[in-house]
C-alpha atoms as a PDB file:
ATOM      1  CA  UNK A   1       1.009  -5.255 -10.855  1.00  0.00           C
ATOM      2  CA  UNK A   2       2.758  -7.735  -9.075  1.00  0.00           C
ATOM      3  CA  UNK A   3       2.529  -7.513  -5.071  1.00  0.00           C
ATOM      4  CA  UNK A   4       4.808  -9.081  -2.540  1.00  0.00           C
ATOM      5  CA  UNK A   5       3.609 -10.617   0.558  1.00  0.00           C
ATOM      6  CA  UNK A   6       4.020  -8.637   3.724  1.00  0.00           C
ATOM      7  CA  UNK A   7       3.697  -9.893   7.317  1.00  0.00           C
ATOM      8  CA  UNK A   8       0.810  -7.954   8.619  1.00  0.00           C
ATOM      9  CA  UNK A   9      -2.497  -8.892  10.439  1.00  0.00           C
ATOM     10  CA  UNK A  10      -4.359  -6.308   8.022  1.00  0.00           C
ATOM     11  CA  UNK A  11      -2.288  -6.466   4.722  1.00  0.00           C
ATOM     12  CA  UNK A  12      -1.645  -9.181   2.609  1.00  0.00           C
ATOM     13  CA  UNK A  13       0.540  -8.051  -0.116  1.00  0.00           C
ATOM     14  CA  UNK A  14       1.961  -4.699  -1.261  1.00  0.00           C
ATOM     15  CA  UNK A  15       3.134  -3.556  -4.899  1.00  0.00           C
ATOM     16  CA  UNK A  16       4.264  -0.383  -6.566  1.00  0.00           C
ATOM     17  CA  UNK A  17       4.578   1.165  -9.962  1.00  0.00           C
ATOM     18  CA  UNK A  18       7.389   3.789  -9.634  1.00  0.00           C
ATOM     19  CA  UNK A  19       6.398   5.102 -13.388  1.00  0.00           C
ATOM     20  CA  UNK A  20       2.827   5.799 -12.255  1.00  0.00           C
ATOM     21  CA  UNK A  21       3.459   6.458  -8.647  1.00  0.00           C
ATOM     22  CA  UNK A  22       0.699   3.743  -7.715  1.00  0.00           C
ATOM     23  CA  UNK A  23       0.700   1.955  -4.529  1.00  0.00           C
ATOM     24  CA  UNK A  24      -1.176  -1.140  -4.501  1.00  0.00           C
ATOM     25  CA  UNK A  25      -2.305  -2.826  -1.165  1.00  0.00           C
ATOM     26  CA  UNK A  26      -4.172  -6.412  -1.037  1.00  0.00           C
ATOM     27  CA  UNK A  27      -5.960  -7.051   2.172  1.00  0.00           C
ATOM     28  CA  UNK A  28      -6.644 -10.357   3.957  1.00  0.00           C
ATOM     29  CA  UNK A  29     -10.250  -9.842   3.128  1.00  0.00           C
ATOM     30  CA  UNK A  30      -9.423  -9.873  -0.502  1.00  0.00           C
ATOM     31  CA  UNK A  31      -9.897  -6.112  -1.193  1.00  0.00           C
ATOM     32  CA  UNK A  32      -7.500  -4.541  -3.295  1.00  0.00           C
ATOM     33  CA  UNK A  33      -6.743  -0.691  -3.190  1.00  0.00           C
ATOM     34  CA  UNK A  34      -4.672   1.832  -5.423  1.00  0.00           C
ATOM     35  CA  UNK A  35      -3.265   4.685  -4.015  1.00  0.00           C
ATOM     36  CA  UNK A  36      -2.117   7.549  -6.323  1.00  0.00           C
ATOM     37  CA  UNK A  37       0.714   9.933  -6.528  1.00  0.00           C
ATOM     38  CA  UNK A  38       2.664   7.984  -3.918  1.00  0.00           C
ATOM     39  CA  UNK A  39       6.293   8.851  -3.712  1.00  0.00           C
ATOM     40  CA  UNK A  40       8.886   5.962  -3.963  1.00  0.00           C
ATOM     41  CA  UNK A  41       9.941   6.829  -0.423  1.00  0.00           C
ATOM     42  CA  UNK A  42       6.511   6.336   1.076  1.00  0.00           C
ATOM     43  CA  UNK A  43       6.490   2.911  -0.607  1.00  0.00           C
ATOM     44  CA  UNK A  44       9.913   2.180   1.088  1.00  0.00           C
ATOM     45  CA  UNK A  45       8.927   3.551   4.379  1.00  0.00           C
ATOM     46  CA  UNK A  46       5.651   1.313   4.367  1.00  0.00           C
ATOM     47  CA  UNK A  47       7.766  -1.670   3.930  1.00  0.00           C
ATOM     48  CA  UNK A  48      10.309  -0.791   6.663  1.00  0.00           C
ATOM     49  CA  UNK A  49       7.502   0.233   9.183  1.00  0.00           C
ATOM     50  CA  UNK A  50       7.362  -1.848  12.107  1.00  0.00           C
ATOM     51  CA  UNK A  51       3.174  -2.083  11.586  1.00  0.00           C
ATOM     52  CA  UNK A  52       2.434  -1.716   7.988  1.00  0.00           C
ATOM     53  CA  UNK A  53      -1.244  -1.539   8.680  1.00  0.00           C
ATOM     54  CA  UNK A  54      -0.607   1.407  11.077  1.00  0.00           C
ATOM     55  CA  UNK A  55       1.618   3.232   8.557  1.00  0.00           C
ATOM     56  CA  UNK A  56      -0.841   2.568   5.820  1.00  0.00           C
ATOM     57  CA  UNK A  57      -3.753   4.242   8.289  1.00  0.00           C
ATOM     58  CA  UNK A  58      -1.652   7.242   9.331  1.00  0.00           C
ATOM     59  CA  UNK A  59       0.498   8.259   6.632  1.00  0.00           C
ATOM     60  CA  UNK A  60      -1.170   6.885   3.348  1.00  0.00           C
ATOM     61  CA  UNK A  61      -4.891   6.996   3.702  1.00  0.00           C
ATOM     62  CA  UNK A  62      -5.240  10.525   4.896  1.00  0.00           C
ATOM     63  CA  UNK A  63      -2.862  11.947   1.872  1.00  0.00           C
ATOM     64  CA  UNK A  64      -3.458  10.283  -1.346  1.00  0.00           C
ATOM     65  CA  UNK A  65      -6.136   9.396  -3.765  1.00  0.00           C
ATOM     66  CA  UNK A  66      -7.576   5.911  -3.733  1.00  0.00           C
ATOM     67  CA  UNK A  67      -9.657   3.481  -5.650  1.00  0.00           C
ATOM     68  CA  UNK A  68     -10.822   0.090  -5.088  1.00  0.00           C
ATOM     69  CA  UNK A  69      -9.939  -2.369  -7.556  1.00  0.00           C
ATOM     70  CA  UNK A  70     -11.084  -5.542  -6.393  1.00  0.00           C
END
C-alpha cells in the first residue's frame, strides 16, 4: 500500500485502501501497523487533525482491530 508522508513527531506516513477499509500507519521507529474496518471519514479526519498522533491514540487505536506488518 502506498503511504503519504505526514508531519508528525510520531507518525512517518499514512495510507488507506478504501476497498478493504484498511488504514496503514508507518512510525518513525520503522514499525508499520494496519488498522481494519476503518471508514474513509476516519482516514480523512486523521489527515486533517492538528495532531496526527493524538488522533490515532484517541480515535483509532481503541476502536479498530490492528496488526503489526513490519
